[in-house]
Amino acid sequence: MLRNGLEPWHLLIVAIVVIVLFGSKKLPDTARSLGRSMRILKSEAKALKEEGAGEPDSRHPAPAAPPVSPSEPAATDGRAR
């Protein structure tokens, strides 16, 4: 049924529908804002990727120190209080 996918006349129909929906005057503004949004998305994704590369793997955090039980004396520096 869908052997060839989109053919040229399919794309022509889609273009006509887009022009009818948005109007020919708004298309340049819409394309410009879409381009800005894509540029922002790419820069944010790049920043997140660079930020994640410098930090240790947050999915497997280092094991925490075992908690001190109340029955054990607290470590002091030897001075009396």
C-alpha atoms as a PDB file:
ATOM      1  CA  MET A   1       0.000   0.000   0.000  1.00  0.00           C
ATOM      2  CA  LEU A   2       2.727   2.530   0.996  1.00  0.00           C
ATOM      3  CA  ARG A   3       5.506   1.336  -1.272  1.00  0.00           C
ATOM      4  CA  ASN A   4       6.855   4.692  -2.427  1.00  0.00           C
ATOM      5  CA  GLY A   5       6.042   6.815   0.610  1.00  0.00           C
ATOM      6  CA  LEU A   6       5.580  10.475  -0.250  1.00  0.00           C
ATOM      7  CA  GLU A   7       5.448  11.318  -3.923  1.00  0.00           C
ATOM      8  CA  PRO A   8       5.862  14.833  -5.360  1.00  0.00           C
ATOM      9  CA  TRP A   9       2.131  15.418  -5.647  1.00  0.00           C
ATOM     10  CA  HIS A  10       1.720  14.586  -1.931  1.00  0.00           C
ATOM     11  CA  LEU A  11       4.206  17.326  -1.079  1.00  0.00           C
ATOM     12  CA  LEU A  12       2.355  19.742  -3.375  1.00  0.00           C
ATOM     13  CA  ILE A  13      -0.916  19.090  -1.559  1.00  0.00           C
ATOM     14  CA  VAL A  14       0.754  19.582   1.832  1.00  0.00           C
ATOM     15  CA  ALA A  15       2.271  22.884   0.629  1.00  0.00           C
ATOM     16  CA  ILE A  16      -1.105  24.120  -0.591  1.00  0.00           C
ATOM     17  CA  VAL A  17      -2.783  23.208   2.708  1.00  0.00           C
ATOM     18  CA  VAL A  18      -0.064  25.028   4.684  1.00  0.00           C
ATOM     19  CA  ILE A  19      -0.439  28.149   2.536  1.00  0.00           C
ATOM     20  CA  VAL A  20      -4.221  28.091   2.953  1.00  0.00           C
ATOM     21  CA  LEU A  21      -4.018  27.582   6.727  1.00  0.00           C
ATOM     22  CA  PHE A  22      -1.328  30.147   7.526  1.00  0.00           C
ATOM     23  CA  GLY A  23      -1.636  32.563   4.644  1.00  0.00           C
ATOM     24  CA  SER A  24       1.227  33.663   2.428  1.00  0.00           C
ATOM     25  CA  LYS A  25       1.983  36.769   4.530  1.00  0.00           C
ATOM     26  CA  LYS A  26       2.558  34.862   7.771  1.00  0.00           C
ATOM     27  CA  LEU A  27       4.724  32.080   6.334  1.00  0.00           C
ATOM     28  CA  PRO A  28       8.066  34.001   6.442  1.00  0.00           C
ATOM     29  CA  ASP A  29       7.462  35.020  10.073  1.00  0.00           C
ATOM     30  CA  THR A  30       6.483  31.482  10.984  1.00  0.00           C
ATOM     31  CA  ALA A  31       9.574  30.037   9.300  1.00  0.00           C
ATOM     32  CA  ARG A  32      11.805  32.627  10.995  1.00  0.00           C
ATOM     33  CA  SER A  33      10.418  31.860  14.455  1.00  0.00           C
ATOM     34  CA  LEU A  34      10.740  28.127  13.798  1.00  0.00           C
ATOM     35  CA  GLY A  35      14.395  28.651  12.861  1.00  0.00           C
ATOM     36  CA  ARG A  36      15.032  30.634  16.050  1.00  0.00           C
ATOM     37  CA  SER A  37      13.388  27.930  18.133  1.00  0.00           C
ATOM     38  CA  MET A  38      15.514  25.222  16.509  1.00  0.00           C
ATOM     39  CA  ARG A  39      18.690  27.265  17.100  1.00  0.00           C
ATOM     40  CA  ILE A  40      17.797  27.709  20.790  1.00  0.00           C
ATOM     41  CA  LEU A  41      16.989  24.018  21.149  1.00  0.00           C
ATOM     42  CA  LYS A  42      20.323  23.001  19.592  1.00  0.00           C
ATOM     43  CA  SER A  43      22.321  25.380  21.786  1.00  0.00           C
ATOM     44  CA  GLU A  44      20.573  24.180  24.949  1.00  0.00           C
ATOM     45  CA  ALA A  45      21.108  20.527  24.027  1.00  0.00           C
ATOM     46  CA  LYS A  46      24.802  21.233  23.350  1.00  0.00           C
ATOM     47  CA  ALA A  47      25.141  23.033  26.690  1.00  0.00           C
ATOM     48  CA  LEU A  48      23.537  20.129  28.548  1.00  0.00           C
ATOM     49  CA  LYS A  49      25.798  17.655  26.791  1.00  0.00           C
ATOM     50  CA  GLU A  50      28.930  19.684  27.654  1.00  0.00           C
ATOM     51  CA  GLU A  51      27.766  20.144  31.234  1.00  0.00           C
ATOM     52  CA  GLY A  52      27.165  16.421  31.636  1.00  0.00           C
ATOM     53  CA  ALA A  53      30.579  15.494  30.204  1.00  0.00           C
ATOM     54  CA  GLY A  54      32.467  17.399  32.914  1.00  0.00           C
ATOM     55  CA  GLU A  55      30.621  15.886  35.860  1.00  0.00           C
ATOM     56  CA  PRO A  56      30.820  12.334  37.188  1.00  0.00           C
ATOM     57  CA  ASP A  57      28.083   9.944  36.210  1.00  0.00           C
ATOM     58  CA  SER A  58      25.032  10.988  38.232  1.00  0.00           C
ATOM     59  CA  ARG A  59      23.186   7.742  37.504  1.00  0.00           C
ATOM     60  CA  HIS A  60      25.584   5.804  39.746  1.00  0.00           C
ATOM     61  CA  PRO A  61      26.407   8.029  42.723  1.00  0.00           C
ATOM     62  CA  ALA A  62      29.360   7.204  44.941  1.00  0.00           C
ATOM     63  CA  PRO A  63      28.415   5.259  48.071  1.00  0.00           C
ATOM     64  CA  ALA A  64      27.803   7.454  51.101  1.00  0.00           C
ATOM     65  CA  ALA A  65      29.721   7.069  54.352  1.00  0.00           C
ATOM     66  CA  PRO A  66      27.986   4.717  56.773  1.00  0.00           C
ATOM     67  CA  PRO A  67      25.959   6.501  59.451  1.00  0.00           C
ATOM     68  CA  VAL A  68      27.432   6.711  62.944  1.00  0.00           C
ATOM     69  CA  SER A  69      25.352   4.861  65.486  1.00  0.00           C
ATOM     70  CA  PRO A  70      24.516   6.709  68.745  1.00  0.00           C
ATOM     71  CA  SER A  71      26.239   4.041  70.873  1.00  0.00           C
ATOM     72  CA  GLU A  72      29.686   4.777  69.362  1.00  0.00           C
ATOM     73  CA  PRO A  73      31.620   7.690  70.874  1.00  0.00           C
ATOM     74  CA  ALA A  74      32.036  10.644  68.563  1.00  0.00           C
ATOM     75  CA  ALA A  75      35.537  11.299  67.269  1.00  0.00           C
ATOM     76  CA  THR A  76      37.126  14.287  68.966  1.00  0.00           C
ATOM     77  CA  ASP A  77      40.390  16.138  68.560  1.00  0.00           C
ATOM     78  CA  GLY A  78      41.482  15.294  72.116  1.00  0.00           C
ATOM     79  CA  ARG A  79      40.487  18.532  73.823  1.00  0.00           C
ATOM     80  CA  ALA A  80      38.159  18.417  76.808  1.00  0.00           C
ATOM     81  CA  ARG A  81      34.945  20.337  76.611  1.00  0.00           C
END
